[in-house]
Amino acid sequence: MLLSGFNQEIYEKGLREEGWEAGIEEGRENGIKEGDLRAIRNMLDLGLSEEQISQKYSKELVEQVLQETTKI
C-alpha cells in the first residue's frame, strides 16, 4: 500500500496504539492469572481441599498449581 508521508505517519501511529493497547490488555490478563495462582497456592497452604478451591477458581488453575508444587 502506497501512502503519502502524512497518511503513512497516521497509519503507523494507529498500529503503534493498537499494539500498545494489546500489550496492556495482555499484561492485565497475566497479572490477574498470576494473582489467582498465588491465591490458590495460599489456600492449599492453609489446608483447603482441591474441591473447595474449585468452587471459586477453575479446575485447570488448581491443577496447574498442584502440578507446579509436585515438581518442586
PDB file of N, CA and C in Angstrom:
ATOM      1  N   MET A   1       0.853  -1.154   0.000  1.00  0.00           N
ATOM      2  CA  MET A   1       0.000   0.000   0.000  1.00  0.00           C
ATOM      3  C   MET A   1       0.907   1.227   0.000  1.00  0.00           C
ATOM      4  N   LEU A   2       0.648   2.133  -0.920  1.00  0.00           N
ATOM      5  CA  LEU A   2       1.436   3.345  -1.053  1.00  0.00           C
ATOM      6  C   LEU A   2       0.654   4.506  -0.457  1.00  0.00           C
ATOM      7  N   LEU A   3       1.203   5.108   0.574  1.00  0.00           N
ATOM      8  CA  LEU A   3       0.542   6.224   1.246  1.00  0.00           C
ATOM      9  C   LEU A   3       1.446   7.443   1.204  1.00  0.00           C
ATOM     10  N   SER A   4       0.835   8.613   1.255  1.00  0.00           N
ATOM     11  CA  SER A   4       1.640   9.829   1.356  1.00  0.00           C
ATOM     12  C   SER A   4       2.317   9.836   2.721  1.00  0.00           C
ATOM     13  N   GLY A   5       3.318  10.670   2.879  1.00  0.00           N
ATOM     14  CA  GLY A   5       4.064  10.722   4.135  1.00  0.00           C
ATOM     15  C   GLY A   5       3.179  10.948   5.341  1.00  0.00           C
ATOM     16  N   PHE A   6       2.249  11.894   5.241  1.00  0.00           N
ATOM     17  CA  PHE A   6       1.363  12.205   6.359  1.00  0.00           C
ATOM     18  C   PHE A   6       0.446  11.032   6.671  1.00  0.00           C
ATOM     19  N   ASN A   7      -0.147  10.443   5.632  1.00  0.00           N
ATOM     20  CA  ASN A   7      -1.043   9.302   5.836  1.00  0.00           C
ATOM     21  C   ASN A   7      -0.284   8.101   6.385  1.00  0.00           C
ATOM     22  N   GLN A   8       0.941   7.905   5.925  1.00  0.00           N
ATOM     23  CA  GLN A   8       1.780   6.810   6.422  1.00  0.00           C
ATOM     24  C   GLN A   8       2.037   6.999   7.915  1.00  0.00           C
ATOM     25  N   GLU A   9       2.301   8.235   8.304  1.00  0.00           N
ATOM     26  CA  GLU A   9       2.561   8.542   9.710  1.00  0.00           C
ATOM     27  C   GLU A   9       1.336   8.240  10.574  1.00  0.00           C
ATOM     28  N   ILE A  10       0.168   8.630  10.102  1.00  0.00           N
ATOM     29  CA  ILE A  10      -1.079   8.364  10.830  1.00  0.00           C
ATOM     30  C   ILE A  10      -1.326   6.855  10.919  1.00  0.00           C
ATOM     31  N   TYR A  11      -1.090   6.146   9.817  1.00  0.00           N
ATOM     32  CA  TYR A  11      -1.276   4.694   9.777  1.00  0.00           C
ATOM     33  C   TYR A  11      -0.355   4.014  10.793  1.00  0.00           C
ATOM     34  N   GLU A  12       0.917   4.401  10.797  1.00  0.00           N
ATOM     35  CA  GLU A  12       1.879   3.793  11.715  1.00  0.00           C
ATOM     36  C   GLU A  12       1.545   4.121  13.166  1.00  0.00           C
ATOM     37  N   LYS A  13       1.074   5.343  13.409  1.00  0.00           N
ATOM     38  CA  LYS A  13       0.680   5.723  14.769  1.00  0.00           C
ATOM     39  C   LYS A  13      -0.483   4.853  15.246  1.00  0.00           C
ATOM     40  N   GLY A  14      -1.437   4.594  14.352  1.00  0.00           N
ATOM     41  CA  GLY A  14      -2.563   3.728  14.699  1.00  0.00           C
ATOM     42  C   GLY A  14      -2.112   2.320  15.035  1.00  0.00           C
ATOM     43  N   LEU A  15      -1.153   1.807  14.256  1.00  0.00           N
ATOM     44  CA  LEU A  15      -0.628   0.464  14.536  1.00  0.00           C
ATOM     45  C   LEU A  15       0.071   0.422  15.890  1.00  0.00           C
ATOM     46  N   ARG A  16       0.853   1.458  16.187  1.00  0.00           N
ATOM     47  CA  ARG A  16       1.543   1.507  17.487  1.00  0.00           C
ATOM     48  C   ARG A  16       0.538   1.540  18.634  1.00  0.00           C
ATOM     49  N   GLU A  17      -0.510   2.340  18.476  1.00  0.00           N
ATOM     50  CA  GLU A  17      -1.523   2.428  19.534  1.00  0.00           C
ATOM     51  C   GLU A  17      -2.243   1.098  19.727  1.00  0.00           C
ATOM     52  N   GLU A  18      -2.550   0.411  18.628  1.00  0.00           N
ATOM     53  CA  GLU A  18      -3.194  -0.904  18.737  1.00  0.00           C
ATOM     54  C   GLU A  18      -2.282  -1.886  19.455  1.00  0.00           C
ATOM     55  N   GLY A  19      -1.003  -1.868  19.103  1.00  0.00           N
ATOM     56  CA  GLY A  19      -0.041  -2.762  19.753  1.00  0.00           C
ATOM     57  C   GLY A  19       0.114  -2.446  21.227  1.00  0.00           C
ATOM     58  N   TRP A  20       0.139  -1.167  21.540  1.00  0.00           N
ATOM     59  CA  TRP A  20       0.273  -0.734  22.923  1.00  0.00           C
ATOM     60  C   TRP A  20      -0.928  -1.195  23.736  1.00  0.00           C
ATOM     61  N   GLU A  21      -2.125  -0.992  23.196  1.00  0.00           N
ATOM     62  CA  GLU A  21      -3.350  -1.404  23.893  1.00  0.00           C
ATOM     63  C   GLU A  21      -3.402  -2.919  24.067  1.00  0.00           C
ATOM     64  N   ALA A  22      -2.980  -3.652  23.031  1.00  0.00           N
ATOM     65  CA  ALA A  22      -2.966  -5.117  23.133  1.00  0.00           C
ATOM     66  C   ALA A  22      -1.974  -5.565  24.202  1.00  0.00           C
ATOM     67  N   GLY A  23      -0.836  -4.890  24.283  1.00  0.00           N
ATOM     68  CA  GLY A  23       0.167  -5.227  25.294  1.00  0.00           C
ATOM     69  C   GLY A  23      -0.331  -4.969  26.704  1.00  0.00           C
ATOM     70  N   ILE A  24      -1.042  -3.875  26.883  1.00  0.00           N
ATOM     71  CA  ILE A  24      -1.601  -3.561  28.205  1.00  0.00           C
ATOM     72  C   ILE A  24      -2.636  -4.611  28.597  1.00  0.00           C
ATOM     73  N   GLU A  25      -3.495  -4.978  27.659  1.00  0.00           N
ATOM     74  CA  GLU A  25      -4.527  -5.981  27.950  1.00  0.00           C
ATOM     75  C   GLU A  25      -3.888  -7.329  28.290  1.00  0.00           C
ATOM     76  N   GLU A  26      -2.855  -7.703  27.540  1.00  0.00           N
ATOM     77  CA  GLU A  26      -2.174  -8.971  27.810  1.00  0.00           C
ATOM     78  C   GLU A  26      -1.523  -8.945  29.191  1.00  0.00           C
ATOM     79  N   GLY A  27      -0.892  -7.834  29.541  1.00  0.00           N
ATOM     80  CA  GLY A  27      -0.272  -7.707  30.858  1.00  0.00           C
ATOM     81  C   GLY A  27      -1.300  -7.768  31.978  1.00  0.00           C
ATOM     82  N   ARG A  28      -2.432  -7.146  31.757  1.00  0.00           N
ATOM     83  CA  ARG A  28      -3.515  -7.168  32.745  1.00  0.00           C
ATOM     84  C   ARG A  28      -4.011  -8.593  32.964  1.00  0.00           C
ATOM     85  N   GLU A  29      -4.230  -9.313  31.867  1.00  0.00           N
ATOM     86  CA  GLU A  29      -4.704 -10.697  31.970  1.00  0.00           C
ATOM     87  C   GLU A  29      -3.678 -11.572  32.674  1.00  0.00           C
ATOM     88  N   ASN A  30      -2.398 -11.387  32.346  1.00  0.00           N
ATOM     89  CA  ASN A  30      -1.346 -12.167  33.001  1.00  0.00           C
ATOM     90  C   ASN A  30      -1.280 -11.860  34.493  1.00  0.00           C
ATOM     91  N   GLY A  31      -1.459 -10.589  34.849  1.00  0.00           N
ATOM     92  CA  GLY A  31      -1.442 -10.200  36.258  1.00  0.00           C
ATOM     93  C   GLY A  31      -2.588 -10.817  37.040  1.00  0.00           C
ATOM     94  N   ILE A  32      -3.763 -10.827  36.442  1.00  0.00           N
ATOM     95  CA  ILE A  32      -4.925 -11.431  37.100  1.00  0.00           C
ATOM     96  C   ILE A  32      -4.697 -12.925  37.296  1.00  0.00           C
ATOM     97  N   LYS A  33      -4.183 -13.592  36.264  1.00  0.00           N
ATOM     98  CA  LYS A  33      -3.937 -15.032  36.367  1.00  0.00           C
ATOM     99  C   LYS A  33      -2.889 -15.313  37.439  1.00  0.00           C
ATOM    100  N   GLU A  34      -1.824 -14.521  37.475  1.00  0.00           N
ATOM    101  CA  GLU A  34      -0.780 -14.732  38.474  1.00  0.00           C
ATOM    102  C   GLU A  34      -1.332 -14.518  39.884  1.00  0.00           C
ATOM    103  N   GLY A  35      -2.209 -13.547  40.043  1.00  0.00           N
ATOM    104  CA  GLY A  35      -2.845 -13.323  41.343  1.00  0.00           C
ATOM    105  C   GLY A  35      -3.717 -14.500  41.749  1.00  0.00           C
ATOM    106  N   ASP A  36      -4.443 -15.056  40.787  1.00  0.00           N
ATOM    107  CA  ASP A  36      -5.275 -16.231  41.063  1.00  0.00           C
ATOM    108  C   ASP A  36      -4.408 -17.418  41.475  1.00  0.00           C
ATOM    109  N   LEU A  37      -3.298 -17.624  40.764  1.00  0.00           N
ATOM    110  CA  LEU A  37      -2.403 -18.737  41.098  1.00  0.00           C
ATOM    111  C   LEU A  37      -1.827 -18.558  42.503  1.00  0.00           C
ATOM    112  N   ARG A  38      -1.466 -17.335  42.848  1.00  0.00           N
ATOM    113  CA  ARG A  38      -0.930 -17.062  44.187  1.00  0.00           C
ATOM    114  C   ARG A  38      -1.992 -17.339  45.249  1.00  0.00           C
ATOM    115  N   ALA A  39      -3.229 -16.943  44.972  1.00  0.00           N
ATOM    116  CA  ALA A  39      -4.316 -17.181  45.927  1.00  0.00           C
ATOM    117  C   ALA A  39      -4.550 -18.678  46.112  1.00  0.00           C
ATOM    118  N   ILE A  40      -4.504 -19.430  45.025  1.00  0.00           N
ATOM    119  CA  ILE A  40      -4.703 -20.882  45.112  1.00  0.00           C
ATOM    120  C   ILE A  40      -3.582 -21.515  45.929  1.00  0.00           C
ATOM    121  N   ARG A  41      -2.336 -21.077  45.706  1.00  0.00           N
ATOM    122  CA  ARG A  41      -1.214 -21.605  46.494  1.00  0.00           C
ATOM    123  C   ARG A  41      -1.438 -21.337  47.983  1.00  0.00           C
ATOM    124  N   ASN A  42      -1.884 -20.128  48.302  1.00  0.00           N
ATOM    125  CA  ASN A  42      -2.145 -19.788  49.708  1.00  0.00           C
ATOM    126  C   ASN A  42      -3.250 -20.659  50.289  1.00  0.00           C
ATOM    127  N   MET A  43      -4.301 -20.892  49.525  1.00  0.00           N
ATOM    128  CA  MET A  43      -5.405 -21.730  50.001  1.00  0.00           C
ATOM    129  C   MET A  43      -4.932 -23.155  50.262  1.00  0.00           C
ATOM    130  N   LEU A  44      -4.096 -23.668  49.371  1.00  0.00           N
ATOM    131  CA  LEU A  44      -3.552 -25.014  49.578  1.00  0.00           C
ATOM    132  C   LEU A  44      -2.669 -25.044  50.819  1.00  0.00           C
ATOM    133  N   ASP A  45      -1.860 -23.995  51.007  1.00  0.00           N
ATOM    134  CA  ASP A  45      -1.013 -23.919  52.201  1.00  0.00           C
ATOM    135  C   ASP A  45      -1.844 -23.894  53.479  1.00  0.00           C
ATOM    136  N   LEU A  46      -3.036 -23.310  53.400  1.00  0.00           N
ATOM    137  CA  LEU A  46      -3.916 -23.246  54.566  1.00  0.00           C
ATOM    138  C   LEU A  46      -4.715 -24.526  54.773  1.00  0.00           C
ATOM    139  N   GLY A  47      -4.571 -25.487  53.849  1.00  0.00           N
ATOM    140  CA  GLY A  47      -5.205 -26.781  54.026  1.00  0.00           C
ATOM    141  C   GLY A  47      -6.541 -26.965  53.339  1.00  0.00           C
ATOM    142  N   LEU A  48      -6.956 -26.029  52.498  1.00  0.00           N
ATOM    143  CA  LEU A  48      -8.209 -26.207  51.776  1.00  0.00           C
ATOM    144  C   LEU A  48      -8.047 -27.317  50.742  1.00  0.00           C
ATOM    145  N   SER A  49      -9.119 -28.035  50.486  1.00  0.00           N
ATOM    146  CA  SER A  49      -9.066 -29.133  49.524  1.00  0.00           C
ATOM    147  C   SER A  49      -9.204 -28.595  48.103  1.00  0.00           C
ATOM    148  N   GLU A  50      -8.829 -29.433  47.158  1.00  0.00           N
ATOM    149  CA  GLU A  50      -8.961 -29.074  45.743  1.00  0.00           C
ATOM    150  C   GLU A  50     -10.421 -28.773  45.404  1.00  0.00           C
ATOM    151  N   GLU A  51     -11.336 -29.531  45.971  1.00  0.00           N
ATOM    152  CA  GLU A  51     -12.760 -29.330  45.706  1.00  0.00           C
ATOM    153  C   GLU A  51     -13.242 -27.980  46.235  1.00  0.00           C
ATOM    154  N   GLN A  52     -12.783 -27.612  47.422  1.00  0.00           N
ATOM    155  CA  GLN A  52     -13.176 -26.324  47.989  1.00  0.00           C
ATOM    156  C   GLN A  52     -12.661 -25.165  47.137  1.00  0.00           C
ATOM    157  N   ILE A  53     -11.425 -25.261  46.710  1.00  0.00           N
ATOM    158  CA  ILE A  53     -10.823 -24.190  45.909  1.00  0.00           C
ATOM    159  C   ILE A  53     -11.491 -24.113  44.545  1.00  0.00           C
ATOM    160  N   SER A  54     -11.893 -25.262  44.006  1.00  0.00           N
ATOM    161  CA  SER A  54     -12.524 -25.301  42.682  1.00  0.00           C
ATOM    162  C   SER A  54     -13.903 -24.650  42.672  1.00  0.00           C
ATOM    163  N   GLN A  55     -14.461 -24.379  43.833  1.00  0.00           N
ATOM    164  CA  GLN A  55     -15.729 -23.645  43.883  1.00  0.00           C
ATOM    165  C   GLN A  55     -15.528 -22.190  43.476  1.00  0.00           C
ATOM    166  N   LYS A  56     -14.324 -21.679  43.671  1.00  0.00           N
ATOM    167  CA  LYS A  56     -14.018 -20.278  43.358  1.00  0.00           C
ATOM    168  C   LYS A  56     -13.189 -20.147  42.074  1.00  0.00           C
ATOM    169  N   TYR A  57     -12.265 -21.063  41.856  1.00  0.00           N
ATOM    170  CA  TYR A  57     -11.344 -20.994  40.719  1.00  0.00           C
ATOM    171  C   TYR A  57     -11.522 -22.219  39.835  1.00  0.00           C
ATOM    172  N   SER A  58     -11.125 -22.094  38.579  1.00  0.00           N
ATOM    173  CA  SER A  58     -11.290 -23.204  37.637  1.00  0.00           C
ATOM    174  C   SER A  58     -10.397 -24.380  38.033  1.00  0.00           C
ATOM    175  N   LYS A  59     -10.873 -25.573  37.693  1.00  0.00           N
ATOM    176  CA  LYS A  59     -10.096 -26.787  37.982  1.00  0.00           C
ATOM    177  C   LYS A  59      -8.748 -26.747  37.277  1.00  0.00           C
ATOM    178  N   GLU A  60      -8.700 -26.133  36.083  1.00  0.00           N
ATOM    179  CA  GLU A  60      -7.450 -26.055  35.329  1.00  0.00           C
ATOM    180  C   GLU A  60      -6.392 -25.280  36.112  1.00  0.00           C
ATOM    181  N   LEU A  61      -6.790 -24.152  36.712  1.00  0.00           N
ATOM    182  CA  LEU A  61      -5.836 -23.366  37.500  1.00  0.00           C
ATOM    183  C   LEU A  61      -5.386 -24.129  38.741  1.00  0.00           C
ATOM    184  N   VAL A  62      -6.330 -24.792  39.403  1.00  0.00           N
ATOM    185  CA  VAL A  62      -5.986 -25.558  40.605  1.00  0.00           C
ATOM    186  C   VAL A  62      -5.018 -26.679  40.239  1.00  0.00           C
ATOM    187  N   GLU A  63      -5.299 -27.380  39.153  1.00  0.00           N
ATOM    188  CA  GLU A  63      -4.419 -28.467  38.723  1.00  0.00           C
ATOM    189  C   GLU A  63      -3.047 -27.942  38.321  1.00  0.00           C
ATOM    190  N   GLN A  64      -3.003 -26.758  37.712  1.00  0.00           N
ATOM    191  CA  GLN A  64      -1.719 -26.164  37.337  1.00  0.00           C
ATOM    192  C   GLN A  64      -0.865 -25.917  38.579  1.00  0.00           C
ATOM    193  N   VAL A  65      -1.475 -25.388  39.625  1.00  0.00           N
ATOM    194  CA  VAL A  65      -0.740 -25.134  40.868  1.00  0.00           C
ATOM    195  C   VAL A  65      -0.297 -26.450  41.496  1.00  0.00           C
ATOM    196  N   LEU A  66      -1.176 -27.442  41.494  1.00  0.00           N
ATOM    197  CA  LEU A  66      -0.813 -28.741  42.069  1.00  0.00           C
ATOM    198  C   LEU A  66       0.355 -29.364  41.321  1.00  0.00           C
ATOM    199  N   GLN A  67       0.367 -29.250  40.004  1.00  0.00           N
ATOM    200  CA  GLN A  67       1.478 -29.785  39.214  1.00  0.00           C
ATOM    201  C   GLN A  67       2.768 -29.036  39.515  1.00  0.00           C
ATOM    202  N   GLU A  68       2.681 -27.716  39.664  1.00  0.00           N
ATOM    203  CA  GLU A  68       3.867 -26.918  39.974  1.00  0.00           C
ATOM    204  C   GLU A  68       4.434 -27.291  41.338  1.00  0.00           C
ATOM    205  N   THR A  69       3.562 -27.534  42.300  1.00  0.00           N
ATOM    206  CA  THR A  69       4.043 -27.828  43.647  1.00  0.00           C
ATOM    207  C   THR A  69       4.617 -29.235  43.748  1.00  0.00           C
ATOM    208  N   THR A  70       4.159 -30.155  42.913  1.00  0.00           N
ATOM    209  CA  THR A  70       4.713 -31.509  42.962  1.00  0.00           C
ATOM    210  C   THR A  70       6.044 -31.593  42.234  1.00  0.00           C
ATOM    211  N   LYS A  71       6.343 -30.643  41.362  1.00  0.00           N
ATOM    212  CA  LYS A  71       7.624 -30.623  40.649  1.00  0.00           C
ATOM    213  C   LYS A  71       8.762 -30.179  41.551  1.00  0.00           C
ATOM    214  N   ILE A  72       8.427 -29.404  42.584  1.00  0.00           N
ATOM    215  CA  ILE A  72       9.461 -28.828  43.461  1.00  0.00           C
ATOM    216  C   ILE A  72      10.047 -29.863  44.373  1.00  0.00           C
TER     217      ILE A  72
END
